[in-house]
N, C-alpha and C. Protein backbone atom coordinates (compact mmCIF):
# COMPACT_ATOMS: atom_id res chain seq x y z
N ARG A 1 16.56 1.88 10.66
CA ARG A 1 16.70 1.64 9.24
C ARG A 1 16.04 2.77 8.47
N ARG A 2 16.61 3.13 7.35
CA ARG A 2 16.06 4.21 6.53
C ARG A 2 15.56 3.67 5.20
N LEU A 3 14.52 4.30 4.70
CA LEU A 3 13.98 3.97 3.38
C LEU A 3 14.27 5.16 2.48
N ARG A 4 14.90 4.92 1.38
CA ARG A 4 15.26 6.01 0.49
C ARG A 4 14.28 6.03 -0.68
N LEU A 5 13.62 7.17 -0.88
CA LEU A 5 12.73 7.37 -2.02
C LEU A 5 13.48 8.24 -3.01
N VAL A 6 13.59 7.79 -4.23
CA VAL A 6 14.34 8.53 -5.24
C VAL A 6 13.38 9.00 -6.31
N GLU A 7 13.35 10.29 -6.52
CA GLU A 7 12.54 10.87 -7.57
C GLU A 7 13.47 11.26 -8.70
N GLU A 8 13.13 10.90 -9.93
CA GLU A 8 14.00 11.17 -11.06
C GLU A 8 14.28 12.67 -11.16
N GLY A 9 15.55 13.03 -11.28
CA GLY A 9 15.93 14.42 -11.44
C GLY A 9 15.96 15.23 -10.16
N ARG A 10 15.74 14.60 -9.01
CA ARG A 10 15.75 15.32 -7.74
C ARG A 10 16.62 14.58 -6.73
N HIS A 11 16.86 15.24 -5.62
CA HIS A 11 17.66 14.62 -4.56
C HIS A 11 16.88 13.48 -3.91
N ASP A 12 17.62 12.56 -3.34
CA ASP A 12 17.00 11.47 -2.58
C ASP A 12 16.34 12.04 -1.33
N ILE A 13 15.28 11.40 -0.91
CA ILE A 13 14.62 11.74 0.35
C ILE A 13 14.62 10.48 1.19
N GLU A 14 15.04 10.59 2.42
CA GLU A 14 15.09 9.42 3.30
C GLU A 14 14.04 9.54 4.39
N PHE A 15 13.40 8.44 4.68
CA PHE A 15 12.44 8.35 5.77
C PHE A 15 12.87 7.21 6.68
N LEU A 16 12.73 7.37 7.98
CA LEU A 16 12.90 6.23 8.88
C LEU A 16 11.73 5.29 8.65
N THR A 17 11.98 4.01 8.66
CA THR A 17 10.89 3.06 8.43
C THR A 17 10.31 2.56 9.73
N GLN A 18 9.21 1.90 9.66
CA GLN A 18 8.41 1.35 10.77
C GLN A 18 7.96 2.50 11.67
N LEU A 19 7.05 2.94 12.00
CA LEU A 19 6.66 3.96 12.97
C LEU A 19 7.11 5.37 12.61
N SER A 20 7.48 5.65 11.37
CA SER A 20 7.78 7.02 10.96
C SER A 20 6.47 7.70 10.57
N HIS A 21 6.17 8.81 11.22
CA HIS A 21 4.95 9.54 10.92
C HIS A 21 5.13 10.30 9.61
N VAL A 22 4.14 10.20 8.71
CA VAL A 22 4.19 10.92 7.44
C VAL A 22 2.83 11.53 7.14
N ARG A 23 2.88 12.61 6.36
CA ARG A 23 1.67 13.22 5.81
C ARG A 23 1.88 13.31 4.31
N LEU A 24 0.86 12.94 3.56
CA LEU A 24 0.96 12.96 2.11
C LEU A 24 -0.36 13.44 1.54
N ALA A 25 -0.27 14.40 0.64
CA ALA A 25 -1.45 14.85 -0.11
C ALA A 25 -1.20 14.49 -1.57
N GLY A 26 -2.20 13.95 -2.21
CA GLY A 26 -2.04 13.56 -3.60
C GLY A 26 -3.34 13.01 -4.16
N ARG A 27 -3.20 12.08 -5.09
CA ARG A 27 -4.37 11.46 -5.72
C ARG A 27 -4.16 9.95 -5.77
N TYR A 28 -5.24 9.21 -5.46
CA TYR A 28 -5.18 7.75 -5.58
C TYR A 28 -5.14 7.37 -7.06
N LEU A 29 -4.40 6.33 -7.38
CA LEU A 29 -4.32 5.83 -8.74
C LEU A 29 -5.40 4.77 -8.92
N GLY A 30 -6.29 4.99 -9.86
CA GLY A 30 -7.45 4.12 -10.03
C GLY A 30 -7.12 2.76 -10.60
N GLY A 31 -7.97 1.79 -10.27
CA GLY A 31 -7.85 0.44 -10.79
C GLY A 31 -6.59 -0.27 -10.34
N ALA A 32 -6.00 0.21 -9.25
CA ALA A 32 -4.71 -0.34 -8.85
C ALA A 32 -4.71 -0.89 -7.42
N ASN A 33 -5.87 -1.18 -6.86
CA ASN A 33 -5.90 -1.75 -5.51
C ASN A 33 -5.21 -3.11 -5.49
N SER A 34 -4.51 -3.37 -4.41
CA SER A 34 -3.98 -4.71 -4.13
C SER A 34 -4.61 -5.17 -2.83
N LEU A 35 -4.98 -6.43 -2.77
CA LEU A 35 -5.58 -6.99 -1.56
C LEU A 35 -4.58 -7.94 -0.93
N VAL A 36 -4.22 -7.67 0.32
CA VAL A 36 -3.26 -8.50 1.04
C VAL A 36 -4.02 -9.34 2.05
N GLN A 37 -3.92 -10.66 1.90
CA GLN A 37 -4.66 -11.56 2.78
C GLN A 37 -4.28 -11.32 4.23
N ALA A 38 -5.30 -11.30 5.11
CA ALA A 38 -5.06 -11.03 6.53
C ALA A 38 -6.07 -11.79 7.38
N VAL A 39 -5.68 -12.05 8.61
CA VAL A 39 -6.59 -12.60 9.61
C VAL A 39 -6.53 -11.66 10.80
N THR A 40 -7.69 -11.13 11.19
CA THR A 40 -7.77 -10.22 12.32
C THR A 40 -8.80 -10.75 13.30
N GLU A 41 -9.04 -10.00 14.35
CA GLU A 41 -10.09 -10.41 15.30
C GLU A 41 -11.47 -10.35 14.66
N LEU A 42 -11.58 -9.72 13.49
CA LEU A 42 -12.84 -9.70 12.74
C LEU A 42 -12.99 -10.93 11.85
N GLY A 43 -11.95 -11.75 11.77
CA GLY A 43 -11.97 -12.94 10.92
C GLY A 43 -11.04 -12.78 9.73
N GLY A 44 -11.22 -13.64 8.73
CA GLY A 44 -10.39 -13.60 7.53
C GLY A 44 -10.85 -12.54 6.56
N GLY A 45 -9.91 -11.98 5.82
CA GLY A 45 -10.22 -10.97 4.83
C GLY A 45 -8.96 -10.41 4.21
N TYR A 46 -8.98 -9.11 3.92
CA TYR A 46 -7.89 -8.49 3.18
C TYR A 46 -7.65 -7.06 3.67
N TRP A 47 -6.37 -6.66 3.66
CA TRP A 47 -6.02 -5.25 3.79
C TRP A 47 -6.08 -4.68 2.38
N VAL A 48 -6.73 -3.54 2.19
CA VAL A 48 -6.84 -2.89 0.88
C VAL A 48 -5.70 -1.88 0.76
N LEU A 49 -4.80 -2.11 -0.19
CA LEU A 49 -3.68 -1.20 -0.43
C LEU A 49 -3.89 -0.50 -1.77
N THR A 50 -3.83 0.83 -1.76
CA THR A 50 -4.04 1.63 -2.95
C THR A 50 -2.87 2.58 -3.13
N PRO A 51 -2.28 2.65 -4.32
CA PRO A 51 -1.19 3.60 -4.53
C PRO A 51 -1.71 5.03 -4.60
N MET A 52 -0.97 5.94 -3.97
CA MET A 52 -1.27 7.37 -4.01
C MET A 52 -0.02 8.08 -4.54
N ARG A 53 -0.21 9.00 -5.47
CA ARG A 53 0.91 9.78 -6.02
C ARG A 53 0.75 11.23 -5.61
N ASP A 54 1.86 11.82 -5.12
CA ASP A 54 1.82 13.23 -4.73
C ASP A 54 2.24 14.11 -5.91
N ASP A 55 2.23 15.43 -5.70
CA ASP A 55 2.54 16.38 -6.78
C ASP A 55 3.98 16.30 -7.26
N ARG A 56 4.87 15.72 -6.45
CA ARG A 56 6.28 15.58 -6.83
C ARG A 56 6.54 14.30 -7.61
N GLY A 57 5.54 13.43 -7.68
CA GLY A 57 5.69 12.18 -8.42
C GLY A 57 6.01 10.97 -7.56
N PHE A 58 6.08 11.13 -6.23
CA PHE A 58 6.30 9.99 -5.35
C PHE A 58 5.02 9.16 -5.27
N THR A 59 5.17 7.86 -5.27
CA THR A 59 4.03 6.97 -5.11
C THR A 59 4.24 6.14 -3.85
N ILE A 60 3.21 6.12 -3.00
CA ILE A 60 3.24 5.36 -1.76
C ILE A 60 1.99 4.50 -1.69
N LEU A 61 2.14 3.25 -1.26
CA LEU A 61 0.98 2.39 -1.04
C LEU A 61 0.32 2.78 0.27
N VAL A 62 -0.98 3.00 0.23
CA VAL A 62 -1.75 3.40 1.42
C VAL A 62 -2.64 2.24 1.83
N ASN A 63 -2.52 1.83 3.09
CA ASN A 63 -3.41 0.80 3.64
C ASN A 63 -4.71 1.50 4.00
N ARG A 64 -5.76 1.22 3.24
CA ARG A 64 -7.04 1.89 3.44
C ARG A 64 -7.97 1.12 4.35
N GLY A 65 -7.49 0.02 4.91
CA GLY A 65 -8.29 -0.69 5.90
C GLY A 65 -8.56 -2.14 5.54
N PHE A 66 -9.27 -2.78 6.43
CA PHE A 66 -9.58 -4.21 6.33
C PHE A 66 -10.97 -4.40 5.74
N VAL A 67 -11.11 -5.38 4.84
CA VAL A 67 -12.42 -5.79 4.33
C VAL A 67 -12.56 -7.30 4.52
N PRO A 68 -13.74 -7.77 4.92
CA PRO A 68 -13.94 -9.21 5.09
C PRO A 68 -13.95 -9.93 3.74
N GLN A 69 -13.70 -11.21 3.78
CA GLN A 69 -13.62 -12.06 2.59
C GLN A 69 -14.81 -11.85 1.65
N GLU A 70 -16.02 -11.79 2.19
CA GLU A 70 -17.22 -11.72 1.34
C GLU A 70 -17.37 -10.39 0.61
N ARG A 71 -16.57 -9.38 0.96
CA ARG A 71 -16.65 -8.08 0.27
C ARG A 71 -15.45 -7.84 -0.65
N LYS A 72 -14.67 -8.85 -0.89
CA LYS A 72 -13.45 -8.75 -1.70
C LYS A 72 -13.70 -8.10 -3.06
N ALA A 73 -14.73 -8.55 -3.78
CA ALA A 73 -14.99 -8.07 -5.14
C ALA A 73 -15.21 -6.56 -5.20
N GLU A 74 -15.79 -5.98 -4.15
CA GLU A 74 -16.05 -4.54 -4.13
C GLU A 74 -14.77 -3.71 -4.16
N PHE A 75 -13.68 -4.29 -3.71
CA PHE A 75 -12.45 -3.52 -3.52
C PHE A 75 -11.31 -3.93 -4.45
N GLN A 76 -11.56 -4.86 -5.36
CA GLN A 76 -10.47 -5.34 -6.22
C GLN A 76 -10.04 -4.31 -7.25
N GLN A 77 -10.90 -3.48 -7.75
CA GLN A 77 -10.52 -2.57 -8.82
C GLN A 77 -10.52 -1.10 -8.41
N GLU A 78 -11.66 -0.59 -8.00
CA GLU A 78 -11.80 0.85 -7.78
C GLU A 78 -10.94 1.33 -6.62
N GLY A 79 -10.18 2.37 -6.88
CA GLY A 79 -9.32 2.91 -5.85
C GLY A 79 -9.60 4.36 -5.53
N GLY A 80 -10.77 4.89 -5.92
CA GLY A 80 -11.05 6.30 -5.67
C GLY A 80 -10.22 7.19 -6.59
N ALA A 81 -10.06 6.78 -7.82
CA ALA A 81 -9.13 7.40 -8.76
C ALA A 81 -9.36 8.89 -8.96
N GLY A 82 -8.25 9.61 -8.96
CA GLY A 82 -8.25 11.00 -9.34
C GLY A 82 -8.68 12.00 -8.31
N ALA A 83 -9.46 11.61 -7.34
CA ALA A 83 -9.94 12.56 -6.34
C ALA A 83 -8.79 12.95 -5.40
N PRO A 84 -8.66 14.26 -5.10
CA PRO A 84 -7.63 14.67 -4.15
C PRO A 84 -7.87 14.01 -2.79
N ALA A 85 -6.79 13.63 -2.14
CA ALA A 85 -6.89 12.98 -0.83
C ALA A 85 -5.66 13.34 -0.01
N ALA A 86 -5.81 13.24 1.30
CA ALA A 86 -4.69 13.47 2.21
C ALA A 86 -4.62 12.29 3.18
N VAL A 87 -3.41 11.85 3.47
CA VAL A 87 -3.18 10.72 4.37
C VAL A 87 -2.25 11.17 5.47
N ASP A 88 -2.60 10.81 6.68
CA ASP A 88 -1.78 11.07 7.86
C ASP A 88 -1.58 9.72 8.53
N GLY A 89 -0.37 9.19 8.51
CA GLY A 89 -0.19 7.85 9.04
C GLY A 89 1.25 7.48 9.30
N ARG A 90 1.53 6.19 9.26
CA ARG A 90 2.85 5.64 9.53
C ARG A 90 3.43 5.02 8.27
N LEU A 91 4.68 5.31 8.00
CA LEU A 91 5.38 4.71 6.87
C LEU A 91 6.03 3.41 7.33
N ARG A 92 5.78 2.34 6.60
CA ARG A 92 6.35 1.04 6.95
C ARG A 92 7.19 0.55 5.78
N SER A 93 8.17 -0.25 6.09
CA SER A 93 9.06 -0.76 5.06
C SER A 93 8.43 -1.94 4.32
N SER A 94 9.03 -2.27 3.20
CA SER A 94 8.59 -3.41 2.40
C SER A 94 8.87 -4.71 3.15
N GLU A 95 8.06 -5.72 2.87
CA GLU A 95 8.25 -7.08 3.41
C GLU A 95 8.31 -8.05 2.24
N PRO A 96 9.39 -8.00 1.47
CA PRO A 96 9.45 -8.86 0.29
C PRO A 96 9.45 -10.34 0.66
N GLY A 97 8.92 -11.12 -0.24
CA GLY A 97 8.98 -12.57 -0.06
C GLY A 97 7.69 -13.23 0.32
N GLY A 98 6.80 -12.53 0.99
CA GLY A 98 5.54 -13.14 1.35
C GLY A 98 5.38 -13.34 2.84
N GLY A 99 4.37 -14.11 3.18
CA GLY A 99 4.05 -14.36 4.57
C GLY A 99 4.78 -15.57 5.12
N PHE A 100 4.38 -15.98 6.30
CA PHE A 100 5.03 -17.08 7.00
C PHE A 100 4.94 -18.39 6.22
N LEU A 101 3.78 -18.69 5.67
CA LEU A 101 3.60 -19.96 4.98
C LEU A 101 3.45 -19.84 3.47
N ARG A 102 3.25 -18.61 2.96
CA ARG A 102 2.99 -18.44 1.53
C ARG A 102 3.87 -17.36 0.95
N SER A 103 4.22 -17.54 -0.32
CA SER A 103 4.97 -16.53 -1.05
C SER A 103 4.02 -15.65 -1.83
N ASN A 104 4.37 -14.38 -2.02
CA ASN A 104 3.58 -13.50 -2.86
C ASN A 104 3.57 -14.05 -4.28
N ASP A 105 2.45 -13.85 -4.99
CA ASP A 105 2.30 -14.30 -6.37
C ASP A 105 1.81 -13.12 -7.20
N PRO A 106 2.72 -12.21 -7.62
CA PRO A 106 2.31 -11.01 -8.34
C PRO A 106 1.52 -11.30 -9.62
N ALA A 107 1.86 -12.35 -10.35
CA ALA A 107 1.16 -12.66 -11.60
C ALA A 107 -0.32 -12.93 -11.36
N ALA A 108 -0.65 -13.51 -10.23
CA ALA A 108 -2.05 -13.81 -9.89
C ALA A 108 -2.65 -12.74 -8.97
N ASN A 109 -1.88 -11.67 -8.69
CA ASN A 109 -2.31 -10.60 -7.79
C ASN A 109 -2.70 -11.15 -6.41
N ARG A 110 -1.86 -12.08 -5.91
CA ARG A 110 -2.06 -12.65 -4.57
C ARG A 110 -0.91 -12.19 -3.68
N TRP A 111 -1.25 -11.48 -2.62
CA TRP A 111 -0.25 -10.86 -1.76
C TRP A 111 -0.47 -11.29 -0.32
N TYR A 112 0.62 -11.66 0.32
CA TYR A 112 0.58 -12.10 1.71
C TYR A 112 1.45 -11.22 2.60
N SER A 113 2.12 -10.25 1.99
CA SER A 113 2.93 -9.28 2.74
C SER A 113 3.10 -8.03 1.87
N ARG A 114 3.59 -6.95 2.50
CA ARG A 114 3.87 -5.72 1.75
C ARG A 114 5.16 -5.92 0.97
N ASP A 115 5.07 -5.88 -0.34
CA ASP A 115 6.25 -6.03 -1.19
C ASP A 115 6.15 -4.98 -2.28
N VAL A 116 6.90 -3.91 -2.14
CA VAL A 116 6.79 -2.80 -3.09
C VAL A 116 7.90 -2.80 -4.14
N ALA A 117 8.68 -3.87 -4.19
CA ALA A 117 9.81 -3.93 -5.13
C ALA A 117 9.34 -4.01 -6.57
């Protein structure tokens, strides 16, 4: 499956999804972290997703790691805004609709799956 990223005024760029290796240099967008509820071998908590924009204007959500439930407040707002950063990782497709038992609730900023729509 391919994911098409469209930049206004430029040609489409396609990436293979799930396990596609990507490198991106850009800047994190501040105050825009999303916390996706997760359960890992470390217990319950959240994946911290922060949008990063490159010099061409593409924005990609970056999974910056897992935080336990008790540290949620530390990661709800600050996203390392403005500082140059580089990411080397895997591009994954959107998972609209939510998790197995719960639906995403964007109005309440409650996320149970990756939904970039």
